[in-house]
Amino acid sequence: MGVGADDYIEKTTSSPVLIAKVKAHLRRYRQLTQKRKQNELSERKLRVIKYQGLVIDLDSAIVKLDNQPLRLSAKEFQILSLLAQYPNKIFSVEKLFELIWDEQSLGDYRTVMVHISNLRKKLETDTNQPKYIETLRGIGYKFKYTEKELPISNE
């Protein structure tokens, strides 16, 4: 009992008692998972990322640059929001593919690169000097920011 158990069943326990105990455990498990889901939803309310003129509303899938709405495809939005939620974290092309497309790739990751390229054309004034999405050759991509201005806020 001291290592995490909160109940035990004796070998001679009758069937009705065993069934009642199993039902009680299932009920507690359901209540716990429901509370976790509610907590997760409440933590996710009003999630907005703001950084250097870029505003990403994660819940309504709206992206604005200098107060002008951007028209992004669903995959472009998913890539941008994933990168922006983890600023300065490097995502390999393989990992981006797995997370966004939710499947294993067969080694052809050009689709990720094309989506990043299209995203940059919409976001960056100078695609050779990207302000938001940085390429680390042979490693992957990251949403870059300076330590002075953290990009995530809940407003």
N, C-alpha and C. Protein backbone atom coordinates (compact mmCIF):
# COMPACT_ATOMS: atom_id res chain seq x y z
N MET A 1 0.82 -1.19 0.00
CA MET A 1 0.00 0.00 0.00
C MET A 1 0.87 1.26 0.00
N GLY A 2 2.07 1.18 0.50
CA GLY A 2 2.91 2.36 0.62
C GLY A 2 3.54 2.81 -0.68
N VAL A 3 3.42 2.06 -1.75
CA VAL A 3 4.06 2.43 -3.01
C VAL A 3 3.07 2.94 -4.05
N GLY A 4 1.92 3.46 -3.59
CA GLY A 4 0.99 4.07 -4.53
C GLY A 4 -0.36 3.41 -4.62
N ALA A 5 -0.51 2.23 -4.05
CA ALA A 5 -1.81 1.56 -4.12
C ALA A 5 -2.77 2.24 -3.15
N ASP A 6 -4.05 2.33 -3.53
CA ASP A 6 -5.04 2.91 -2.62
C ASP A 6 -6.13 1.90 -2.25
N ASP A 7 -5.97 0.68 -2.70
CA ASP A 7 -6.95 -0.35 -2.41
C ASP A 7 -6.31 -1.71 -2.68
N TYR A 8 -6.89 -2.74 -2.12
CA TYR A 8 -6.43 -4.09 -2.43
C TYR A 8 -7.62 -5.04 -2.37
N ILE A 9 -7.46 -6.17 -2.98
CA ILE A 9 -8.53 -7.16 -3.02
C ILE A 9 -7.99 -8.45 -2.44
N GLU A 10 -8.71 -8.96 -1.44
CA GLU A 10 -8.31 -10.24 -0.85
C GLU A 10 -8.71 -11.37 -1.77
N LYS A 11 -8.02 -12.46 -1.66
CA LYS A 11 -8.29 -13.61 -2.50
C LYS A 11 -9.71 -14.15 -2.33
N THR A 12 -10.26 -13.99 -1.14
CA THR A 12 -11.59 -14.54 -0.86
C THR A 12 -12.71 -13.53 -1.10
N THR A 13 -12.46 -12.46 -1.80
CA THR A 13 -13.48 -11.43 -2.05
C THR A 13 -14.59 -11.99 -2.93
N SER A 14 -15.82 -11.67 -2.56
CA SER A 14 -16.97 -12.15 -3.34
C SER A 14 -17.10 -11.35 -4.64
N SER A 15 -17.79 -11.93 -5.60
CA SER A 15 -17.96 -11.28 -6.92
C SER A 15 -18.63 -9.92 -6.83
N PRO A 16 -19.72 -9.75 -6.06
CA PRO A 16 -20.35 -8.42 -6.00
C PRO A 16 -19.40 -7.34 -5.45
N VAL A 17 -18.59 -7.70 -4.47
CA VAL A 17 -17.63 -6.74 -3.91
C VAL A 17 -16.57 -6.40 -4.95
N LEU A 18 -16.08 -7.41 -5.65
CA LEU A 18 -15.09 -7.19 -6.70
C LEU A 18 -15.64 -6.28 -7.78
N ILE A 19 -16.87 -6.54 -8.23
CA ILE A 19 -17.49 -5.71 -9.27
C ILE A 19 -17.66 -4.27 -8.77
N ALA A 20 -18.09 -4.10 -7.53
CA ALA A 20 -18.27 -2.75 -6.97
C ALA A 20 -16.94 -2.00 -6.92
N LYS A 21 -15.87 -2.69 -6.53
CA LYS A 21 -14.56 -2.04 -6.46
C LYS A 21 -14.07 -1.64 -7.86
N VAL A 22 -14.25 -2.52 -8.84
CA VAL A 22 -13.84 -2.20 -10.21
C VAL A 22 -14.62 -1.00 -10.73
N LYS A 23 -15.94 -0.98 -10.49
CA LYS A 23 -16.76 0.15 -10.93
C LYS A 23 -16.31 1.45 -10.26
N ALA A 24 -15.98 1.38 -8.99
CA ALA A 24 -15.52 2.58 -8.27
C ALA A 24 -14.21 3.10 -8.86
N HIS A 25 -13.31 2.19 -9.18
CA HIS A 25 -12.04 2.60 -9.80
C HIS A 25 -12.27 3.21 -11.18
N LEU A 26 -13.13 2.60 -11.97
CA LEU A 26 -13.44 3.15 -13.30
C LEU A 26 -14.07 4.53 -13.18
N ARG A 27 -14.99 4.70 -12.21
CA ARG A 27 -15.63 6.00 -12.00
C ARG A 27 -14.59 7.07 -11.64
N ARG A 28 -13.68 6.74 -10.73
CA ARG A 28 -12.63 7.70 -10.36
C ARG A 28 -11.71 8.02 -11.53
N TYR A 29 -11.41 7.01 -12.33
CA TYR A 29 -10.56 7.22 -13.51
C TYR A 29 -11.24 8.18 -14.50
N ARG A 30 -12.53 7.96 -14.76
CA ARG A 30 -13.27 8.84 -15.68
C ARG A 30 -13.31 10.27 -15.16
N GLN A 31 -13.55 10.42 -13.85
CA GLN A 31 -13.60 11.76 -13.26
C GLN A 31 -12.24 12.45 -13.38
N LEU A 32 -11.19 11.70 -13.15
CA LEU A 32 -9.85 12.27 -13.25
C LEU A 32 -9.52 12.70 -14.67
N THR A 33 -9.83 11.85 -15.65
CA THR A 33 -9.54 12.22 -17.04
C THR A 33 -10.40 13.39 -17.49
N GLN A 34 -11.64 13.46 -17.01
CA GLN A 34 -12.51 14.59 -17.36
C GLN A 34 -11.95 15.89 -16.78
N LYS A 35 -11.47 15.85 -15.54
CA LYS A 35 -10.87 17.04 -14.93
C LYS A 35 -9.62 17.47 -15.69
N ARG A 36 -8.82 16.51 -16.12
CA ARG A 36 -7.62 16.84 -16.89
C ARG A 36 -7.99 17.53 -18.19
N LYS A 37 -9.01 17.02 -18.88
CA LYS A 37 -9.45 17.63 -20.13
C LYS A 37 -9.96 19.04 -19.90
N GLN A 38 -10.73 19.24 -18.82
CA GLN A 38 -11.24 20.57 -18.51
C GLN A 38 -10.10 21.53 -18.20
N ASN A 39 -9.11 21.07 -17.45
CA ASN A 39 -7.95 21.91 -17.14
C ASN A 39 -7.19 22.27 -18.41
N GLU A 40 -7.04 21.30 -19.29
CA GLU A 40 -6.34 21.54 -20.55
C GLU A 40 -7.08 22.58 -21.38
N LEU A 41 -8.41 22.47 -21.44
CA LEU A 41 -9.20 23.44 -22.20
C LEU A 41 -9.12 24.82 -21.58
N SER A 42 -9.17 24.91 -20.25
CA SER A 42 -9.12 26.23 -19.62
C SER A 42 -7.75 26.87 -19.79
N GLU A 43 -6.70 26.07 -19.82
CA GLU A 43 -5.36 26.60 -20.05
C GLU A 43 -5.20 27.11 -21.47
N ARG A 44 -5.97 26.55 -22.39
CA ARG A 44 -5.81 26.89 -23.79
C ARG A 44 -6.69 28.07 -24.21
N LYS A 45 -7.52 28.60 -23.33
CA LYS A 45 -8.40 29.70 -23.69
C LYS A 45 -7.58 30.93 -24.05
N LEU A 46 -8.07 31.63 -25.05
CA LEU A 46 -7.51 32.92 -25.45
C LEU A 46 -6.01 32.88 -25.69
N ARG A 47 -5.55 31.89 -26.37
CA ARG A 47 -4.12 31.80 -26.64
C ARG A 47 -3.80 32.66 -27.86
N VAL A 48 -3.00 33.67 -27.61
CA VAL A 48 -2.59 34.58 -28.68
C VAL A 48 -1.08 34.75 -28.59
N ILE A 49 -0.42 34.64 -29.73
CA ILE A 49 1.02 34.86 -29.79
C ILE A 49 1.24 36.17 -30.53
N LYS A 50 1.99 37.07 -29.90
CA LYS A 50 2.30 38.36 -30.51
C LYS A 50 3.81 38.53 -30.54
N TYR A 51 4.32 38.90 -31.70
CA TYR A 51 5.76 39.10 -31.81
C TYR A 51 6.08 39.95 -33.03
N GLN A 52 6.67 41.08 -32.79
CA GLN A 52 7.15 41.98 -33.84
C GLN A 52 6.15 42.17 -34.98
N GLY A 53 4.94 42.60 -34.63
CA GLY A 53 3.93 42.87 -35.63
C GLY A 53 3.14 41.66 -36.09
N LEU A 54 3.55 40.48 -35.67
CA LEU A 54 2.85 39.25 -36.04
C LEU A 54 1.92 38.85 -34.89
N VAL A 55 0.66 38.59 -35.19
CA VAL A 55 -0.31 38.15 -34.19
C VAL A 55 -0.92 36.84 -34.68
N ILE A 56 -0.80 35.82 -33.86
CA ILE A 56 -1.35 34.50 -34.19
C ILE A 56 -2.37 34.14 -33.12
N ASP A 57 -3.62 34.07 -33.51
CA ASP A 57 -4.68 33.64 -32.60
C ASP A 57 -4.86 32.14 -32.83
N LEU A 58 -4.38 31.36 -31.89
CA LEU A 58 -4.36 29.91 -32.04
C LEU A 58 -5.74 29.28 -32.02
N ASP A 59 -6.67 29.89 -31.31
CA ASP A 59 -7.99 29.30 -31.19
C ASP A 59 -8.89 29.60 -32.38
N SER A 60 -8.74 30.77 -32.99
CA SER A 60 -9.59 31.10 -34.13
C SER A 60 -8.85 30.99 -35.46
N ALA A 61 -7.59 30.58 -35.42
CA ALA A 61 -6.78 30.38 -36.63
C ALA A 61 -6.68 31.64 -37.48
N ILE A 62 -6.51 32.78 -36.80
CA ILE A 62 -6.35 34.05 -37.50
C ILE A 62 -4.92 34.53 -37.31
N VAL A 63 -4.30 34.92 -38.42
CA VAL A 63 -2.94 35.45 -38.38
C VAL A 63 -2.96 36.84 -38.99
N LYS A 64 -2.36 37.80 -38.28
CA LYS A 64 -2.26 39.16 -38.79
C LYS A 64 -0.80 39.59 -38.76
N LEU A 65 -0.42 40.33 -39.77
CA LEU A 65 0.91 40.91 -39.83
C LEU A 65 0.73 42.40 -40.01
N ASP A 66 1.23 43.18 -39.04
CA ASP A 66 1.05 44.63 -39.03
C ASP A 66 -0.43 44.98 -39.19
N ASN A 67 -1.27 44.31 -38.44
CA ASN A 67 -2.73 44.50 -38.41
C ASN A 67 -3.44 44.14 -39.70
N GLN A 68 -2.76 43.51 -40.63
CA GLN A 68 -3.37 43.06 -41.88
C GLN A 68 -3.53 41.54 -41.83
N PRO A 69 -4.74 41.04 -42.07
CA PRO A 69 -4.93 39.58 -42.03
C PRO A 69 -4.16 38.88 -43.15
N LEU A 70 -3.58 37.75 -42.80
CA LEU A 70 -2.88 36.93 -43.78
C LEU A 70 -3.74 35.73 -44.13
N ARG A 71 -3.73 35.38 -45.40
CA ARG A 71 -4.46 34.18 -45.85
C ARG A 71 -3.46 33.03 -45.90
N LEU A 72 -3.57 32.15 -44.93
CA LEU A 72 -2.68 30.99 -44.86
C LEU A 72 -3.49 29.73 -45.11
N SER A 73 -2.84 28.76 -45.73
CA SER A 73 -3.48 27.45 -45.86
C SER A 73 -3.48 26.79 -44.48
N ALA A 74 -4.26 25.74 -44.33
CA ALA A 74 -4.34 25.05 -43.05
C ALA A 74 -2.97 24.53 -42.61
N LYS A 75 -2.21 23.96 -43.53
CA LYS A 75 -0.89 23.44 -43.19
C LYS A 75 0.07 24.56 -42.84
N GLU A 76 0.00 25.68 -43.57
CA GLU A 76 0.86 26.83 -43.25
C GLU A 76 0.56 27.33 -41.84
N PHE A 77 -0.73 27.42 -41.50
CA PHE A 77 -1.10 27.86 -40.16
C PHE A 77 -0.59 26.88 -39.10
N GLN A 78 -0.73 25.59 -39.36
CA GLN A 78 -0.27 24.59 -38.40
C GLN A 78 1.23 24.67 -38.19
N ILE A 79 1.97 24.84 -39.26
CA ILE A 79 3.43 24.95 -39.15
C ILE A 79 3.80 26.19 -38.37
N LEU A 80 3.22 27.33 -38.75
CA LEU A 80 3.54 28.59 -38.07
C LEU A 80 3.18 28.53 -36.59
N SER A 81 2.00 28.04 -36.27
CA SER A 81 1.59 28.01 -34.87
C SER A 81 2.45 27.04 -34.06
N LEU A 82 2.82 25.92 -34.64
CA LEU A 82 3.69 24.98 -33.93
C LEU A 82 5.05 25.62 -33.63
N LEU A 83 5.66 26.21 -34.64
CA LEU A 83 6.96 26.84 -34.44
C LEU A 83 6.87 27.98 -33.43
N ALA A 84 5.81 28.80 -33.53
CA ALA A 84 5.68 29.96 -32.65
C ALA A 84 5.39 29.58 -31.20
N GLN A 85 4.75 28.43 -30.99
CA GLN A 85 4.47 27.99 -29.63
C GLN A 85 5.74 27.50 -28.91
N TYR A 86 6.76 27.19 -29.68
CA TYR A 86 8.03 26.72 -29.11
C TYR A 86 9.16 27.58 -29.66
N PRO A 87 9.21 28.85 -29.27
CA PRO A 87 10.22 29.76 -29.83
C PRO A 87 11.64 29.27 -29.57
N ASN A 88 12.45 29.40 -30.60
CA ASN A 88 13.87 29.01 -30.59
C ASN A 88 14.09 27.50 -30.47
N LYS A 89 13.05 26.71 -30.46
CA LYS A 89 13.20 25.24 -30.48
C LYS A 89 13.36 24.83 -31.94
N ILE A 90 14.35 24.03 -32.20
CA ILE A 90 14.62 23.58 -33.57
C ILE A 90 13.81 22.32 -33.85
N PHE A 91 13.06 22.37 -34.96
CA PHE A 91 12.30 21.22 -35.42
C PHE A 91 12.93 20.72 -36.71
N SER A 92 13.28 19.45 -36.74
CA SER A 92 13.80 18.87 -37.98
C SER A 92 12.66 18.80 -38.99
N VAL A 93 13.01 18.71 -40.26
CA VAL A 93 12.00 18.58 -41.32
C VAL A 93 11.18 17.31 -41.08
N GLU A 94 11.84 16.24 -40.68
CA GLU A 94 11.16 14.98 -40.41
C GLU A 94 10.14 15.13 -39.29
N LYS A 95 10.54 15.81 -38.21
CA LYS A 95 9.65 16.00 -37.07
C LYS A 95 8.46 16.87 -37.45
N LEU A 96 8.70 17.94 -38.21
CA LEU A 96 7.60 18.79 -38.67
C LEU A 96 6.60 17.97 -39.48
N PHE A 97 7.12 17.15 -40.37
CA PHE A 97 6.23 16.32 -41.20
C PHE A 97 5.38 15.41 -40.32
N GLU A 98 6.01 14.74 -39.36
CA GLU A 98 5.28 13.83 -38.48
C GLU A 98 4.22 14.55 -37.67
N LEU A 99 4.57 15.73 -37.14
CA LEU A 99 3.64 16.46 -36.28
C LEU A 99 2.49 17.10 -37.06
N ILE A 100 2.77 17.64 -38.23
CA ILE A 100 1.75 18.36 -38.99
C ILE A 100 0.89 17.40 -39.81
N TRP A 101 1.50 16.45 -40.48
CA TRP A 101 0.75 15.52 -41.33
C TRP A 101 0.30 14.28 -40.56
N ASP A 102 0.81 14.12 -39.35
CA ASP A 102 0.43 13.03 -38.47
C ASP A 102 0.66 11.66 -39.10
N GLU A 103 1.77 11.54 -39.79
CA GLU A 103 2.15 10.25 -40.37
C GLU A 103 3.65 10.24 -40.65
N GLN A 104 4.17 9.07 -40.85
CA GLN A 104 5.58 8.91 -41.18
C GLN A 104 5.79 9.25 -42.65
N SER A 105 6.88 9.92 -42.94
CA SER A 105 7.21 10.21 -44.33
C SER A 105 8.07 9.08 -44.87
N LEU A 106 8.09 8.99 -46.18
CA LEU A 106 8.95 7.98 -46.81
C LEU A 106 10.27 8.59 -47.25
N GLY A 107 10.66 9.68 -46.61
CA GLY A 107 11.96 10.29 -46.90
C GLY A 107 11.89 11.51 -47.78
N ASP A 108 10.74 11.84 -48.35
CA ASP A 108 10.62 13.02 -49.20
C ASP A 108 9.95 14.13 -48.39
N TYR A 109 10.76 15.09 -47.98
CA TYR A 109 10.27 16.15 -47.11
C TYR A 109 10.11 17.47 -47.86
N ARG A 110 10.11 17.42 -49.18
CA ARG A 110 9.99 18.65 -49.96
C ARG A 110 8.70 19.39 -49.68
N THR A 111 7.66 18.64 -49.34
CA THR A 111 6.39 19.30 -49.06
C THR A 111 6.51 20.26 -47.88
N VAL A 112 7.28 19.89 -46.86
CA VAL A 112 7.51 20.78 -45.71
C VAL A 112 8.26 22.01 -46.18
N MET A 113 9.29 21.82 -46.97
CA MET A 113 10.10 22.94 -47.44
C MET A 113 9.29 23.90 -48.31
N VAL A 114 8.40 23.35 -49.13
CA VAL A 114 7.55 24.19 -49.98
C VAL A 114 6.58 25.01 -49.11
N HIS A 115 5.99 24.38 -48.11
CA HIS A 115 5.08 25.10 -47.22
C HIS A 115 5.82 26.20 -46.45
N ILE A 116 7.03 25.91 -45.98
CA ILE A 116 7.82 26.93 -45.28
C ILE A 116 8.14 28.08 -46.24
N SER A 117 8.51 27.76 -47.46
CA SER A 117 8.81 28.78 -48.46
C SER A 117 7.59 29.67 -48.73
N ASN A 118 6.43 29.06 -48.90
CA ASN A 118 5.20 29.82 -49.12
C ASN A 118 4.85 30.68 -47.91
N LEU A 119 5.08 30.14 -46.73
CA LEU A 119 4.83 30.87 -45.50
C LEU A 119 5.74 32.08 -45.40
N ARG A 120 6.99 31.91 -45.73
CA ARG A 120 7.94 33.03 -45.70
C ARG A 120 7.55 34.13 -46.68
N LYS A 121 7.08 33.75 -47.86
CA LYS A 121 6.66 34.75 -48.85
C LYS A 121 5.54 35.62 -48.30
N LYS A 122 4.70 35.04 -47.46
CA LYS A 122 3.58 35.78 -46.87
C LYS A 122 3.98 36.57 -45.63
N LEU A 123 4.99 36.10 -44.92
CA LEU A 123 5.39 36.71 -43.65
C LEU A 123 6.53 37.73 -43.78
N GLU A 124 7.51 37.39 -44.55
CA GLU A 124 8.77 38.14 -44.55
C GLU A 124 8.80 39.22 -45.62
N THR A 125 9.37 40.37 -45.25
CA THR A 125 9.60 41.42 -46.26
C THR A 125 10.82 41.08 -47.09
N ASP A 126 11.80 40.43 -46.47
CA ASP A 126 13.01 39.99 -47.17
C ASP A 126 13.22 38.52 -46.85
N THR A 127 12.91 37.65 -47.79
CA THR A 127 13.02 36.21 -47.53
C THR A 127 14.46 35.74 -47.35
N ASN A 128 15.42 36.56 -47.77
CA ASN A 128 16.84 36.21 -47.56
C ASN A 128 17.29 36.53 -46.14
N GLN A 129 16.59 37.44 -45.47
CA GLN A 129 16.87 37.79 -44.08
C GLN A 129 15.59 37.56 -43.26
N PRO A 130 15.23 36.31 -43.01
CA PRO A 130 13.96 36.04 -42.33
C PRO A 130 13.91 36.58 -40.91
N LYS A 131 12.78 37.17 -40.58
CA LYS A 131 12.56 37.77 -39.27
C LYS A 131 11.92 36.77 -38.30
N TYR A 132 11.15 35.84 -38.85
CA TYR A 132 10.37 34.94 -38.01
C TYR A 132 10.83 33.49 -38.05
N ILE A 133 10.93 32.92 -39.23
CA ILE A 133 11.29 31.50 -39.35
C ILE A 133 12.70 31.39 -39.89
N GLU A 134 13.56 30.80 -39.09
CA GLU A 134 14.97 30.67 -39.46
C GLU A 134 15.27 29.23 -39.89
N THR A 135 16.07 29.10 -40.94
CA THR A 135 16.53 27.79 -41.40
C THR A 135 17.90 27.52 -40.81
N LEU A 136 18.07 26.36 -40.24
CA LEU A 136 19.39 25.92 -39.79
C LEU A 136 19.76 24.77 -40.70
N ARG A 137 20.62 25.05 -41.65
CA ARG A 137 20.95 24.09 -42.71
C ARG A 137 21.36 22.73 -42.14
N GLY A 138 20.70 21.70 -42.66
CA GLY A 138 21.00 20.34 -42.23
C GLY A 138 20.41 19.97 -40.88
N ILE A 139 19.76 20.93 -40.22
CA ILE A 139 19.21 20.66 -38.89
C ILE A 139 17.69 20.80 -38.88
N GLY A 140 17.18 21.97 -39.33
CA GLY A 140 15.74 22.17 -39.34
C GLY A 140 15.35 23.63 -39.33
N TYR A 141 14.21 23.91 -38.72
CA TYR A 141 13.65 25.26 -38.69
C TYR A 141 13.31 25.64 -37.26
N LYS A 142 13.29 26.95 -37.01
CA LYS A 142 12.84 27.44 -35.71
C LYS A 142 12.20 28.80 -35.86
N PHE A 143 11.31 29.12 -34.93
CA PHE A 143 10.73 30.45 -34.83
C PHE A 143 11.69 31.23 -33.96
N LYS A 144 12.33 32.23 -34.54
CA LYS A 144 13.38 32.90 -33.78
C LYS A 144 12.85 34.17 -33.12
N TYR A 145 13.37 34.44 -31.96
CA TYR A 145 13.02 35.66 -31.25
C TYR A 145 14.20 36.06 -30.37
N THR A 146 14.19 37.32 -29.99
CA THR A 146 15.22 37.80 -29.08
C THR A 146 14.71 37.62 -27.66
N GLU A 147 15.61 37.49 -26.73
CA GLU A 147 15.24 37.29 -25.33
C GLU A 147 14.47 38.49 -24.77
N LYS A 148 14.64 39.66 -25.38
CA LYS A 148 13.98 40.86 -24.89
C LYS A 148 12.47 40.79 -25.02
N GLU A 149 12.00 40.09 -26.03
CA GLU A 149 10.57 40.08 -26.33
C GLU A 149 10.07 38.65 -26.48
N LEU A 150 9.52 38.11 -25.41
CA LEU A 150 8.94 36.77 -25.48
C LEU A 150 7.68 36.82 -26.33
N PRO A 151 7.50 35.88 -27.24
CA PRO A 151 6.39 35.97 -28.17
C PRO A 151 5.03 35.49 -27.68
N ILE A 152 4.98 34.80 -26.56
CA ILE A 152 3.70 34.20 -26.18
C ILE A 152 3.03 35.01 -25.09
N SER A 153 1.74 35.30 -25.30
CA SER A 153 0.95 35.99 -24.29
C SER A 153 -0.46 35.43 -24.32
N ASN A 154 -1.16 35.59 -23.23
CA ASN A 154 -2.56 35.17 -23.16
C ASN A 154 -3.42 36.41 -23.04
N GLU A 155 -3.89 36.91 -24.15
CA GLU A 155 -4.75 38.10 -24.16
C GLU A 155 -6.02 37.83 -24.91
